[in-house]
Amino acid sequence: MLIDKLKDLQSAGCRPNLLVIGDIMIDHYMTGKASRLSPEAPVPVVNLKAETYTLGGAGNVVQNLVALGANVSISCATGDDVPADQVSEILKREGVNTDCILRDKDRATTVKTRILVEGHQLARLDKESTHNLNVAAEAHVIGHLEPLIQNADIVVLSDYNKGFLSSNLTRRIIQIAKQYQKKVIIDPKGSNYTKYSGAYVIKPNRSELAVAAKVDSVDTIADLQVAAKLIIEQTEVENLVVTLSEEGISIFNKKGITNLPVKATEVYDVTGAGDTVLATISFFVALGFDLDEACEIANYAAAIVIRQVGSATVTLEEIVMEIQNETHKFQASH
């Protein structure tokens, strides 16, 4: 039983080593009240009450892995600016190895500023650089990555299309991982999945799959199968894991298709749920669980985070409680 395996894990206190490579960003929230319009333009005047800074993108994946109990290292590129200091400070506080963060004077650290009034988003301001690293910077990253890949149980790529995971760097990472027999699990972006060729798992959501497979929609299981087949042929990926929001997760591989229905009953906010799913799958595959089990656990983890507002993380204890509650509900209704 899955619950027994998880309880054994809790008592053993295993801490796998995970390496996250990808696009890190700062999520900056400005919260206030608006009770009047500006005399200068027909826009609300927001009286600022609070500001918070959290990690987004690959940083959210890192925080999810830390919450589950992993030892985490990260490789990413920031600017050489104040938000880069904030990134380093938060990661160090979380106990994350930051030796492979490249501070690049030619970049701006990605910052997404959201202005919120009474729970509603009024505006979002993005500051970012999306160009690829130069050849020397890429070579520097690869040189530092090799020992980290060698030491990792799983390599996780969190691609937000911000230029860090270029085709060249992505292919090189997968090549080195294969050399050391390490599995690579990828959250993809964009329309060119050939750069992910040879990965163990590629995990798009429904709309990302449609873009990559260049099809209009993937609304039905038949559509999904057609799109999945195209991507598997293109990338020779071992497993394609498609997250389907309130419909759960579908796994496509040589065995065929496995559909795992969603565990969520209430949905408040799906922000960051994809990062939680990526982190949970990676964590449990690193501990030797098979992919179907890891995806099933990830469904429970997603059910927990989408009941909360904003990006959230889950712990092993919360997942165990969630599974127990679901099991009791199921038994009570039968």
C-alpha atoms as a PDB file:
ATOM      1  CA  MET A   1       0.000   0.000   0.000  1.00  0.00           C
ATOM      2  CA  LEU A   2       1.181   3.493  -0.895  1.00  0.00           C
ATOM      3  CA  ILE A   3       0.353   4.888   2.558  1.00  0.00           C
ATOM      4  CA  ASP A   4       2.529   2.211   4.237  1.00  0.00           C
ATOM      5  CA  LYS A   5       5.471   3.050   1.968  1.00  0.00           C
ATOM      6  CA  LEU A   6       5.079   6.738   2.848  1.00  0.00           C
ATOM      7  CA  LYS A   7       4.923   6.035   6.586  1.00  0.00           C
ATOM      8  CA  ASP A   8       8.086   3.900   6.322  1.00  0.00           C
ATOM      9  CA  LEU A   9       9.706   6.820   4.535  1.00  0.00           C
ATOM     10  CA  GLN A  10       8.659   9.209   7.305  1.00  0.00           C
ATOM     11  CA  SER A  11      10.253   7.050   9.973  1.00  0.00           C
ATOM     12  CA  ALA A  12      13.419   6.428   7.915  1.00  0.00           C
ATOM     13  CA  GLY A  13      13.906  10.179   7.304  1.00  0.00           C
ATOM     14  CA  CYS A  14      15.592   9.718   3.894  1.00  0.00           C
ATOM     15  CA  ARG A  15      16.904  12.893   2.252  1.00  0.00           C
ATOM     16  CA  PRO A  16      17.530  12.510  -1.491  1.00  0.00           C
ATOM     17  CA  ASN A  17      19.852  14.921  -3.342  1.00  0.00           C
ATOM     18  CA  LEU A  18      18.086  16.924  -6.034  1.00  0.00           C
ATOM     19  CA  LEU A  19      19.601  19.337  -8.511  1.00  0.00           C
ATOM     20  CA  VAL A  20      17.244  21.973  -9.938  1.00  0.00           C
ATOM     21  CA  ILE A  21      18.384  23.798 -13.083  1.00  0.00           C
ATOM     22  CA  GLY A  22      16.281  26.564 -14.579  1.00  0.00           C
ATOM     23  CA  ASP A  23      14.785  30.027 -14.547  1.00  0.00           C
ATOM     24  CA  ILE A  24      14.503  31.582 -11.116  1.00  0.00           C
ATOM     25  CA  MET A  25      12.478  34.702 -10.417  1.00  0.00           C
ATOM     26  CA  ILE A  26      11.186  36.922  -7.651  1.00  0.00           C
ATOM     27  CA  ASP A  27       7.428  37.217  -7.147  1.00  0.00           C
ATOM     28  CA  HIS A  28       6.850  40.663  -5.651  1.00  0.00           C
ATOM     29  CA  TYR A  29       3.377  41.312  -4.235  1.00  0.00           C
ATOM     30  CA  MET A  30       2.188  44.857  -3.452  1.00  0.00           C
ATOM     31  CA  THR A  31      -1.074  44.815  -1.527  1.00  0.00           C
ATOM     32  CA  GLY A  32      -3.247  47.838  -0.845  1.00  0.00           C
ATOM     33  CA  LYS A  33      -6.643  49.487  -0.840  1.00  0.00           C
ATOM     34  CA  ALA A  34      -8.238  51.650  -3.514  1.00  0.00           C
ATOM     35  CA  SER A  35     -11.128  53.947  -2.663  1.00  0.00           C
ATOM     36  CA  ARG A  36     -10.809  56.702  -5.279  1.00  0.00           C
ATOM     37  CA  LEU A  37      -9.805  57.405  -8.866  1.00  0.00           C
ATOM     38  CA  SER A  38      -6.774  59.501  -9.734  1.00  0.00           C
ATOM     39  CA  PRO A  39      -7.490  63.068 -10.909  1.00  0.00           C
ATOM     40  CA  GLU A  40      -4.606  62.624 -13.411  1.00  0.00           C
ATOM     41  CA  ALA A  41      -6.012  59.622 -15.311  1.00  0.00           C
ATOM     42  CA  PRO A  42      -9.008  57.244 -14.992  1.00  0.00           C
ATOM     43  CA  VAL A  43      -7.058  54.783 -12.804  1.00  0.00           C
ATOM     44  CA  PRO A  44      -7.487  53.769  -9.155  1.00  0.00           C
ATOM     45  CA  VAL A  45      -5.185  55.270  -6.531  1.00  0.00           C
ATOM     46  CA  VAL A  46      -3.761  52.357  -4.519  1.00  0.00           C
ATOM     47  CA  ASN A  47      -2.807  53.045  -0.914  1.00  0.00           C
ATOM     48  CA  LEU A  48      -0.006  50.528  -0.317  1.00  0.00           C
ATOM     49  CA  LYS A  49      -0.325  48.467   2.891  1.00  0.00           C
ATOM     50  CA  ALA A  50       2.167  45.603   2.478  1.00  0.00           C
ATOM     51  CA  GLU A  51       4.916  44.227   0.242  1.00  0.00           C
ATOM     52  CA  THR A  52       6.209  40.654   0.091  1.00  0.00           C
ATOM     53  CA  TYR A  53       8.954  38.943  -1.897  1.00  0.00           C
ATOM     54  CA  THR A  54       8.922  35.207  -2.631  1.00  0.00           C
ATOM     55  CA  LEU A  55      10.720  32.925  -5.088  1.00  0.00           C
ATOM     56  CA  GLY A  56       8.959  31.991  -8.311  1.00  0.00           C
ATOM     57  CA  GLY A  57       9.732  29.753 -11.280  1.00  0.00           C
ATOM     58  CA  ALA A  58      12.495  27.255 -10.497  1.00  0.00           C
ATOM     59  CA  GLY A  59      12.632  28.822  -7.016  1.00  0.00           C
ATOM     60  CA  ASN A  60       9.130  27.537  -6.259  1.00  0.00           C
ATOM     61  CA  VAL A  61      10.248  24.024  -7.316  1.00  0.00           C
ATOM     62  CA  VAL A  62      13.236  24.341  -4.952  1.00  0.00           C
ATOM     63  CA  GLN A  63      11.029  25.423  -2.023  1.00  0.00           C
ATOM     64  CA  ASN A  64       8.653  22.520  -2.666  1.00  0.00           C
ATOM     65  CA  LEU A  65      11.587  20.068  -2.609  1.00  0.00           C
ATOM     66  CA  VAL A  66      12.962  21.595   0.607  1.00  0.00           C
ATOM     67  CA  ALA A  67       9.496  21.310   2.235  1.00  0.00           C
ATOM     68  CA  LEU A  68       9.372  17.598   1.274  1.00  0.00           C
ATOM     69  CA  GLY A  69      12.769  17.058   2.918  1.00  0.00           C
ATOM     70  CA  ALA A  70      15.290  16.955   0.054  1.00  0.00           C
ATOM     71  CA  ASN A  71      18.847  18.262  -0.042  1.00  0.00           C
ATOM     72  CA  VAL A  72      18.699  20.754  -2.921  1.00  0.00           C
ATOM     73  CA  SER A  73      21.266  22.448  -5.163  1.00  0.00           C
ATOM     74  CA  ILE A  74      20.304  25.015  -7.797  1.00  0.00           C
ATOM     75  CA  SER A  75      21.845  26.233 -11.025  1.00  0.00           C
ATOM     76  CA  CYS A  76      20.399  29.383 -12.598  1.00  0.00           C
ATOM     77  CA  ALA A  77      21.375  32.821 -13.908  1.00  0.00           C
ATOM     78  CA  THR A  78      20.447  36.091 -12.226  1.00  0.00           C
ATOM     79  CA  GLY A  79      21.407  39.652 -12.933  1.00  0.00           C
ATOM     80  CA  ASP A  80      24.020  41.427 -10.833  1.00  0.00           C
ATOM     81  CA  ASP A  81      21.409  43.478  -8.988  1.00  0.00           C
ATOM     82  CA  VAL A  82      19.396  43.862  -5.763  1.00  0.00           C
ATOM     83  CA  PRO A  83      16.801  41.169  -6.696  1.00  0.00           C
ATOM     84  CA  ALA A  84      19.749  38.738  -7.201  1.00  0.00           C
ATOM     85  CA  ASP A  85      20.771  39.429  -3.585  1.00  0.00           C
ATOM     86  CA  GLN A  86      17.191  38.673  -2.498  1.00  0.00           C
ATOM     87  CA  VAL A  87      17.276  35.371  -4.452  1.00  0.00           C
ATOM     88  CA  SER A  88      20.547  34.304  -2.773  1.00  0.00           C
ATOM     89  CA  GLU A  89      19.330  35.367   0.670  1.00  0.00           C
ATOM     90  CA  ILE A  90      16.065  33.372   0.443  1.00  0.00           C
ATOM     91  CA  LEU A  91      17.846  30.273  -0.944  1.00  0.00           C
ATOM     92  CA  LYS A  92      20.541  30.352   1.759  1.00  0.00           C
ATOM     93  CA  ARG A  93      17.832  30.679   4.415  1.00  0.00           C
ATOM     94  CA  GLU A  94      16.238  27.520   2.948  1.00  0.00           C
ATOM     95  CA  GLY A  95      19.582  25.679   3.201  1.00  0.00           C
ATOM     96  CA  VAL A  96      19.988  25.368  -0.590  1.00  0.00           C
ATOM     97  CA  ASN A  97      23.417  24.994  -2.250  1.00  0.00           C
ATOM     98  CA  THR A  98      23.851  28.166  -4.345  1.00  0.00           C
ATOM     99  CA  ASP A  99      27.414  27.553  -5.645  1.00  0.00           C
ATOM    100  CA  CYS A 100      26.166  27.228  -9.238  1.00  0.00           C
ATOM    101  CA  ILE A 101      24.263  30.519  -9.521  1.00  0.00           C
ATOM    102  CA  LEU A 102      25.698  32.691 -12.277  1.00  0.00           C
ATOM    103  CA  ARG A 103      25.484  36.444 -11.667  1.00  0.00           C
ATOM    104  CA  ASP A 104      25.482  37.961 -15.144  1.00  0.00           C
ATOM    105  CA  LYS A 105      26.044  41.731 -15.524  1.00  0.00           C
ATOM    106  CA  ASP A 106      24.269  41.598 -18.906  1.00  0.00           C
ATOM    107  CA  ARG A 107      20.976  40.349 -17.398  1.00  0.00           C
ATOM    108  CA  ALA A 108      18.252  41.618 -15.133  1.00  0.00           C
ATOM    109  CA  THR A 109      16.964  39.192 -12.497  1.00  0.00           C
ATOM    110  CA  THR A 110      13.356  38.347 -13.426  1.00  0.00           C
ATOM    111  CA  VAL A 111      10.930  40.147 -11.112  1.00  0.00           C
ATOM    112  CA  LYS A 112       7.153  39.877 -11.469  1.00  0.00           C
ATOM    113  CA  THR A 113       5.400  42.597  -9.492  1.00  0.00           C
ATOM    114  CA  ARG A 114       1.694  42.107  -8.864  1.00  0.00           C
ATOM    115  CA  ILE A 115      -0.467  44.919  -7.510  1.00  0.00           C
ATOM    116  CA  LEU A 116      -3.336  43.434  -5.504  1.00  0.00           C
ATOM    117  CA  VAL A 117      -6.389  45.282  -4.229  1.00  0.00           C
ATOM    118  CA  GLU A 118      -8.705  43.292  -1.956  1.00  0.00           C
ATOM    119  CA  GLY A 119      -7.562  39.988  -3.425  1.00  0.00           C
ATOM    120  CA  HIS A 120      -7.906  41.132  -7.053  1.00  0.00           C
ATOM    121  CA  GLN A 121      -4.894  41.653  -9.306  1.00  0.00           C
ATOM    122  CA  LEU A 122      -4.974  45.175 -10.671  1.00  0.00           C
ATOM    123  CA  ALA A 123      -1.766  45.063 -12.707  1.00  0.00           C
ATOM    124  CA  ARG A 124       1.407  43.042 -13.221  1.00  0.00           C
ATOM    125  CA  LEU A 125       4.787  44.569 -14.022  1.00  0.00           C
ATOM    126  CA  ASP A 126       7.539  42.315 -15.408  1.00  0.00           C
ATOM    127  CA  LYS A 127      11.242  43.116 -15.454  1.00  0.00           C
ATOM    128  CA  GLU A 128      13.366  40.464 -17.136  1.00  0.00           C
ATOM    129  CA  SER A 129      16.041  39.480 -19.658  1.00  0.00           C
ATOM    130  CA  THR A 130      15.265  36.561 -21.963  1.00  0.00           C
ATOM    131  CA  HIS A 131      18.415  36.320 -24.106  1.00  0.00           C
ATOM    132  CA  ASN A 132      20.629  33.221 -23.987  1.00  0.00           C
ATOM    133  CA  LEU A 133      23.871  33.226 -22.036  1.00  0.00           C
ATOM    134  CA  ASN A 134      26.993  34.011 -24.042  1.00  0.00           C
ATOM    135  CA  VAL A 135      29.326  31.130 -24.961  1.00  0.00           C
ATOM    136  CA  ALA A 136      31.800  31.791 -22.125  1.00  0.00           C
ATOM    137  CA  ALA A 137      29.041  32.023 -19.486  1.00  0.00           C
ATOM    138  CA  GLU A 138      27.457  28.781 -20.742  1.00  0.00           C
ATOM    139  CA  ALA A 139      30.819  26.991 -20.608  1.00  0.00           C
ATOM    140  CA  HIS A 140      31.307  28.286 -17.033  1.00  0.00           C
ATOM    141  CA  VAL A 141      27.891  26.886 -15.994  1.00  0.00           C
ATOM    142  CA  ILE A 142      28.581  23.481 -17.599  1.00  0.00           C
ATOM    143  CA  GLY A 143      31.958  23.247 -15.823  1.00  0.00           C
ATOM    144  CA  HIS A 144      30.325  23.825 -12.430  1.00  0.00           C
ATOM    145  CA  LEU A 145      27.355  21.549 -13.164  1.00  0.00           C
ATOM    146  CA  GLU A 146      29.168  18.274 -13.812  1.00  0.00           C
ATOM    147  CA  PRO A 147      30.042  17.468 -10.125  1.00  0.00           C
ATOM    148  CA  LEU A 148      26.528  18.506  -9.048  1.00  0.00           C
ATOM    149  CA  ILE A 149      24.928  16.185 -11.633  1.00  0.00           C
ATOM    150  CA  GLN A 150      27.237  13.379 -10.507  1.00  0.00           C
ATOM    151  CA  ASN A 151      26.097  13.886  -6.893  1.00  0.00           C
ATOM    152  CA  ALA A 152      22.354  14.229  -7.636  1.00  0.00           C
ATOM    153  CA  ASP A 153      19.782  11.442  -7.385  1.00  0.00           C
ATOM    154  CA  ILE A 154      17.585  13.250  -9.921  1.00  0.00           C
ATOM    155  CA  VAL A 155      18.179  16.269 -12.178  1.00  0.00           C
ATOM    156  CA  VAL A 156      15.160  18.593 -12.491  1.00  0.00           C
ATOM    157  CA  LEU A 157      14.844  21.159 -15.291  1.00  0.00           C
ATOM    158  CA  SER A 158      12.385  24.008 -14.708  1.00  0.00           C
ATOM    159  CA  ASP A 159      12.174  25.869 -18.027  1.00  0.00           C
ATOM    160  CA  TYR A 160      10.272  29.161 -18.095  1.00  0.00           C
ATOM    161  CA  ASN A 161      11.678  30.232 -21.480  1.00  0.00           C
ATOM    162  CA  LYS A 162      13.795  33.050 -20.001  1.00  0.00           C
ATOM    163  CA  GLY A 163      16.903  32.162 -22.036  1.00  0.00           C
ATOM    164  CA  PHE A 164      18.943  30.224 -19.461  1.00  0.00           C
ATOM    165  CA  LEU A 165      18.043  26.722 -20.696  1.00  0.00           C
ATOM    166  CA  SER A 166      19.155  27.226 -24.301  1.00  0.00           C
ATOM    167  CA  SER A 167      19.046  24.240 -26.665  1.00  0.00           C
ATOM    168  CA  ASN A 168      22.805  23.841 -26.299  1.00  0.00           C
ATOM    169  CA  LEU A 169      22.863  23.951 -22.481  1.00  0.00           C
ATOM    170  CA  THR A 170      19.799  21.701 -22.145  1.00  0.00           C
ATOM    171  CA  ARG A 171      21.234  19.051 -24.482  1.00  0.00           C
ATOM    172  CA  ARG A 172      24.590  19.161 -22.671  1.00  0.00           C
ATOM    173  CA  ILE A 173      22.912  18.692 -19.265  1.00  0.00           C
ATOM    174  CA  ILE A 174      20.977  15.639 -20.518  1.00  0.00           C
ATOM    175  CA  GLN A 175      24.171  14.248 -22.088  1.00  0.00           C
ATOM    176  CA  ILE A 176      26.149  14.579 -18.797  1.00  0.00           C
ATOM    177  CA  ALA A 177      23.231  13.124 -16.801  1.00  0.00           C
ATOM    178  CA  LYS A 178      23.139  10.079 -19.122  1.00  0.00           C
ATOM    179  CA  GLN A 179      26.888   9.650 -18.671  1.00  0.00           C
ATOM    180  CA  TYR A 180      26.331   9.308 -14.905  1.00  0.00           C
ATOM    181  CA  GLN A 181      23.058   7.339 -15.348  1.00  0.00           C
ATOM    182  CA  LYS A 182      20.932  10.078 -13.764  1.00  0.00           C
ATOM    183  CA  LYS A 183      17.274  10.581 -14.663  1.00  0.00           C
ATOM    184  CA  VAL A 184      16.237  14.015 -15.948  1.00  0.00           C
ATOM    185  CA  ILE A 185      12.705  15.282 -15.229  1.00  0.00           C
ATOM    186  CA  ILE A 186      11.617  18.387 -17.140  1.00  0.00           C
ATOM    187  CA  ASP A 187       8.896  21.024 -16.879  1.00  0.00           C
ATOM    188  CA  PRO A 188       8.999  22.325 -20.465  1.00  0.00           C
ATOM    189  CA  LYS A 189       8.158  25.606 -22.185  1.00  0.00           C
ATOM    190  CA  GLY A 190       7.939  26.793 -25.772  1.00  0.00           C
ATOM    191  CA  SER A 191       7.270  24.905 -28.975  1.00  0.00           C
ATOM    192  CA  ASN A 192      10.602  23.138 -29.518  1.00  0.00           C
ATOM    193  CA  TYR A 193      10.818  20.014 -27.359  1.00  0.00           C
ATOM    194  CA  THR A 194      13.657  18.476 -29.402  1.00  0.00           C
ATOM    195  CA  LYS A 195      16.121  20.100 -26.969  1.00  0.00           C
ATOM    196  CA  TYR A 196      14.703  17.776 -24.267  1.00  0.00           C
ATOM    197  CA  SER A 197      15.520  14.627 -26.269  1.00  0.00           C
ATOM    198  CA  GLY A 198      16.566  11.699 -24.103  1.00  0.00           C
ATOM    199  CA  ALA A 199      14.896  12.892 -20.876  1.00  0.00           C
ATOM    200  CA  TYR A 200      13.231  10.456 -18.453  1.00  0.00           C
ATOM    201  CA  VAL A 201      10.090  12.599 -18.002  1.00  0.00           C
ATOM    202  CA  ILE A 202       8.734  15.651 -19.791  1.00  0.00           C
ATOM    203  CA  LYS A 203       5.799  17.180 -17.881  1.00  0.00           C
ATOM    204  CA  PRO A 204       3.732  19.682 -19.883  1.00  0.00           C
ATOM    205  CA  ASN A 205       0.239  20.827 -18.978  1.00  0.00           C
ATOM    206  CA  ARG A 206      -2.595  20.497 -21.490  1.00  0.00           C
ATOM    207  CA  SER A 207      -2.089  23.850 -23.247  1.00  0.00           C
ATOM    208  CA  GLU A 208       1.731  23.470 -23.343  1.00  0.00           C
ATOM    209  CA  LEU A 209       1.292  20.055 -24.999  1.00  0.00           C
ATOM    210  CA  ALA A 210      -1.015  21.546 -27.654  1.00  0.00           C
ATOM    211  CA  VAL A 211       1.565  24.277 -28.455  1.00  0.00           C
ATOM    212  CA  ALA A 212       4.461  21.799 -28.668  1.00  0.00           C
ATOM    213  CA  ALA A 213       2.538  19.278 -30.784  1.00  0.00           C
ATOM    214  CA  LYS A 214       1.212  22.129 -32.975  1.00  0.00           C
ATOM    215  CA  VAL A 215      -2.404  20.987 -32.644  1.00  0.00           C
ATOM    216  CA  ASP A 216      -5.473  23.143 -32.026  1.00  0.00           C
ATOM    217  CA  SER A 217      -6.693  21.398 -28.913  1.00  0.00           C
ATOM    218  CA  VAL A 218      -6.172  18.391 -26.676  1.00  0.00           C
ATOM    219  CA  ASP A 219      -9.631  18.313 -25.115  1.00  0.00           C
ATOM    220  CA  THR A 220     -10.319  14.589 -25.452  1.00  0.00           C
ATOM    221  CA  ILE A 221      -8.278  11.497 -24.557  1.00  0.00           C
ATOM    222  CA  ALA A 222      -8.004  10.747 -28.309  1.00  0.00           C
ATOM    223  CA  ASP A 223      -6.546  14.261 -28.932  1.00  0.00           C
ATOM    224  CA  LEU A 224      -4.154  13.784 -26.033  1.00  0.00           C
ATOM    225  CA  GLN A 225      -2.945  10.462 -27.423  1.00  0.00           C
ATOM    226  CA  VAL A 226      -2.267  11.964 -30.859  1.00  0.00           C
ATOM    227  CA  ALA A 227      -0.329  14.908 -29.376  1.00  0.00           C
ATOM    228  CA  ALA A 228       1.561  12.681 -26.916  1.00  0.00           C
ATOM    229  CA  LYS A 229       2.596  10.278 -29.699  1.00  0.00           C
ATOM    230  CA  LEU A 230       4.021  13.201 -31.714  1.00  0.00           C
ATOM    231  CA  ILE A 231       6.085  14.485 -28.768  1.00  0.00           C
ATOM    232  CA  ILE A 232       7.351  11.010 -27.837  1.00  0.00           C
ATOM    233  CA  GLU A 233       8.460  10.431 -31.458  1.00  0.00           C
ATOM    234  CA  GLN A 234      10.165  13.862 -31.570  1.00  0.00           C
ATOM    235  CA  THR A 235      12.015  13.568 -28.256  1.00  0.00           C
ATOM    236  CA  GLU A 236      12.322   9.813 -27.573  1.00  0.00           C
ATOM    237  CA  VAL A 237      11.337  10.706 -24.009  1.00  0.00           C
ATOM    238  CA  GLU A 238      10.706   7.640 -21.813  1.00  0.00           C
ATOM    239  CA  ASN A 239       7.595   9.102 -20.169  1.00  0.00           C
ATOM    240  CA  LEU A 240       5.326  12.007 -21.033  1.00  0.00           C
ATOM    241  CA  VAL A 241       3.367  13.141 -17.971  1.00  0.00           C
ATOM    242  CA  VAL A 242       0.535  15.556 -18.834  1.00  0.00           C
ATOM    243  CA  THR A 243      -1.131  17.530 -16.045  1.00  0.00           C
ATOM    244  CA  LEU A 244      -4.815  18.122 -16.763  1.00  0.00           C
ATOM    245  CA  SER A 245      -5.796  20.558 -13.992  1.00  0.00           C
ATOM    246  CA  GLU A 246      -9.094  19.378 -12.440  1.00  0.00           C
ATOM    247  CA  GLU A 247      -8.957  16.130 -14.477  1.00  0.00           C
ATOM    248  CA  GLY A 248      -5.735  14.816 -12.913  1.00  0.00           C
ATOM    249  CA  ILE A 249      -2.653  13.416 -14.645  1.00  0.00           C
ATOM    250  CA  SER A 250      -2.113  11.201 -17.715  1.00  0.00           C
ATOM    251  CA  ILE A 251       1.111   9.222 -18.200  1.00  0.00           C
ATOM    252  CA  PHE A 252       2.128   8.129 -21.709  1.00  0.00           C
ATOM    253  CA  ASN A 253       4.923   5.588 -22.289  1.00  0.00           C
ATOM    254  CA  LYS A 254       5.712   2.238 -23.925  1.00  0.00           C
ATOM    255  CA  LYS A 255       3.173   0.524 -21.626  1.00  0.00           C
ATOM    256  CA  GLY A 256       0.416   2.742 -23.025  1.00  0.00           C
ATOM    257  CA  ILE A 257      -1.581   5.348 -21.153  1.00  0.00           C
ATOM    258  CA  THR A 258      -2.303   5.603 -17.405  1.00  0.00           C
ATOM    259  CA  ASN A 259      -4.953   8.077 -16.221  1.00  0.00           C
ATOM    260  CA  LEU A 260      -4.838   9.217 -12.599  1.00  0.00           C
ATOM    261  CA  PRO A 261      -7.974  11.127 -11.596  1.00  0.00           C
ATOM    262  CA  VAL A 262      -7.552  14.324  -9.582  1.00  0.00           C
ATOM    263  CA  LYS A 263      -7.796  14.245  -5.797  1.00  0.00           C
ATOM    264  CA  ALA A 264      -8.936  17.861  -5.414  1.00  0.00           C
ATOM    265  CA  THR A 265     -12.367  18.712  -4.079  1.00  0.00           C
ATOM    266  CA  GLU A 266     -12.001  22.486  -3.692  1.00  0.00           C
ATOM    267  CA  VAL A 267     -10.010  24.684  -6.064  1.00  0.00           C
ATOM    268  CA  TYR A 268      -9.072  28.187  -4.919  1.00  0.00           C
ATOM    269  CA  ASP A 269      -5.864  28.912  -6.791  1.00  0.00           C
ATOM    270  CA  VAL A 270      -3.851  26.782  -9.227  1.00  0.00           C
ATOM    271  CA  THR A 271      -0.791  29.116  -9.049  1.00  0.00           C
ATOM    272  CA  GLY A 272       2.343  27.046  -8.617  1.00  0.00           C
ATOM    273  CA  ALA A 273       0.499  23.700  -8.680  1.00  0.00           C
ATOM    274  CA  GLY A 274       2.625  22.599 -11.667  1.00  0.00           C
ATOM    275  CA  ASP A 275       5.790  23.316  -9.668  1.00  0.00           C
ATOM    276  CA  THR A 276       4.448  21.251  -6.752  1.00  0.00           C
ATOM    277  CA  VAL A 277       3.668  18.342  -9.099  1.00  0.00           C
ATOM    278  CA  LEU A 278       7.154  18.544 -10.674  1.00  0.00           C
ATOM    279  CA  ALA A 279       8.860  18.636  -7.253  1.00  0.00           C
ATOM    280  CA  THR A 280       6.758  15.786  -5.827  1.00  0.00           C
ATOM    281  CA  ILE A 281       7.316  13.466  -8.804  1.00  0.00           C
ATOM    282  CA  SER A 282      11.073  14.208  -8.744  1.00  0.00           C
ATOM    283  CA  PHE A 283      11.357  13.691  -4.969  1.00  0.00           C
ATOM    284  CA  PHE A 284       9.638  10.300  -4.951  1.00  0.00           C
ATOM    285  CA  VAL A 285      11.350   8.983  -8.110  1.00  0.00           C
ATOM    286  CA  ALA A 286      14.653   9.963  -6.419  1.00  0.00           C
ATOM    287  CA  LEU A 287      13.641   7.744  -3.480  1.00  0.00           C
ATOM    288  CA  GLY A 288      13.008   4.767  -5.756  1.00  0.00           C
ATOM    289  CA  PHE A 289       9.207   4.954  -6.134  1.00  0.00           C
ATOM    290  CA  ASP A 290       7.986   4.004  -9.590  1.00  0.00           C
ATOM    291  CA  LEU A 291       6.637   6.801 -11.785  1.00  0.00           C
ATOM    292  CA  ASP A 292       2.941   5.827 -11.450  1.00  0.00           C
ATOM    293  CA  GLU A 293       3.237   5.943  -7.639  1.00  0.00           C
ATOM    294  CA  ALA A 294       5.123   9.262  -7.749  1.00  0.00           C
ATOM    295  CA  CYS A 295       2.428  10.776  -9.991  1.00  0.00           C
ATOM    296  CA  GLU A 296      -0.336   9.504  -7.726  1.00  0.00           C
ATOM    297  CA  ILE A 297       1.353  11.124  -4.714  1.00  0.00           C
ATOM    298  CA  ALA A 298       1.801  14.317  -6.786  1.00  0.00           C
ATOM    299  CA  ASN A 299      -1.974  14.377  -7.377  1.00  0.00           C
ATOM    300  CA  TYR A 300      -2.516  14.440  -3.601  1.00  0.00           C
ATOM    301  CA  ALA A 301       0.120  17.172  -3.208  1.00  0.00           C
ATOM    302  CA  ALA A 302      -1.577  19.281  -5.905  1.00  0.00           C
ATOM    303  CA  ALA A 303      -4.946  18.843  -4.145  1.00  0.00           C
ATOM    304  CA  ILE A 304      -3.417  20.399  -1.019  1.00  0.00           C
ATOM    305  CA  VAL A 305      -1.801  23.431  -2.712  1.00  0.00           C
ATOM    306  CA  ILE A 306      -4.766  24.416  -4.897  1.00  0.00           C
ATOM    307  CA  ARG A 307      -6.869  24.849  -1.748  1.00  0.00           C
ATOM    308  CA  GLN A 308      -4.516  27.700  -0.770  1.00  0.00           C
ATOM    309  CA  VAL A 309      -4.090  31.114  -2.361  1.00  0.00           C
ATOM    310  CA  GLY A 310      -0.741  31.852  -4.052  1.00  0.00           C
ATOM    311  CA  SER A 311       2.191  29.511  -4.610  1.00  0.00           C
ATOM    312  CA  ALA A 312       2.361  27.040  -1.730  1.00  0.00           C
ATOM    313  CA  THR A 313       4.427  24.049  -0.631  1.00  0.00           C
ATOM    314  CA  VAL A 314       3.505  20.722   0.967  1.00  0.00           C
ATOM    315  CA  THR A 315       5.202  18.439   3.478  1.00  0.00           C
ATOM    316  CA  LEU A 316       5.363  14.659   3.642  1.00  0.00           C
ATOM    317  CA  GLU A 317       3.173  14.788   6.785  1.00  0.00           C
ATOM    318  CA  GLU A 318       0.466  16.760   4.932  1.00  0.00           C
ATOM    319  CA  ILE A 319       0.486  14.253   2.049  1.00  0.00           C
ATOM    320  CA  VAL A 320       0.128  11.305   4.463  1.00  0.00           C
ATOM    321  CA  MET A 321      -2.802  13.063   6.177  1.00  0.00           C
ATOM    322  CA  GLU A 322      -4.424  13.868   2.818  1.00  0.00           C
ATOM    323  CA  ILE A 323      -4.240  10.208   1.689  1.00  0.00           C
ATOM    324  CA  GLN A 324      -5.614   8.989   5.041  1.00  0.00           C
ATOM    325  CA  ASN A 325      -8.523  11.462   4.877  1.00  0.00           C
ATOM    326  CA  GLU A 326      -9.334  10.428   1.290  1.00  0.00           C
ATOM    327  CA  THR A 327      -9.202   6.742   2.255  1.00  0.00           C
ATOM    328  CA  HIS A 328     -11.562   7.318   5.229  1.00  0.00           C
ATOM    329  CA  LYS A 329     -13.988   9.283   3.024  1.00  0.00           C
ATOM    330  CA  PHE A 330     -13.938   6.514   0.399  1.00  0.00           C
ATOM    331  CA  GLN A 331     -14.534   3.804   3.001  1.00  0.00           C
ATOM    332  CA  ALA A 332     -17.353   5.800   4.621  1.00  0.00           C
ATOM    333  CA  SER A 333     -19.142   6.261   1.271  1.00  0.00           C
ATOM    334  CA  HIS A 334     -18.925   2.530   0.400  1.00  0.00           C
END
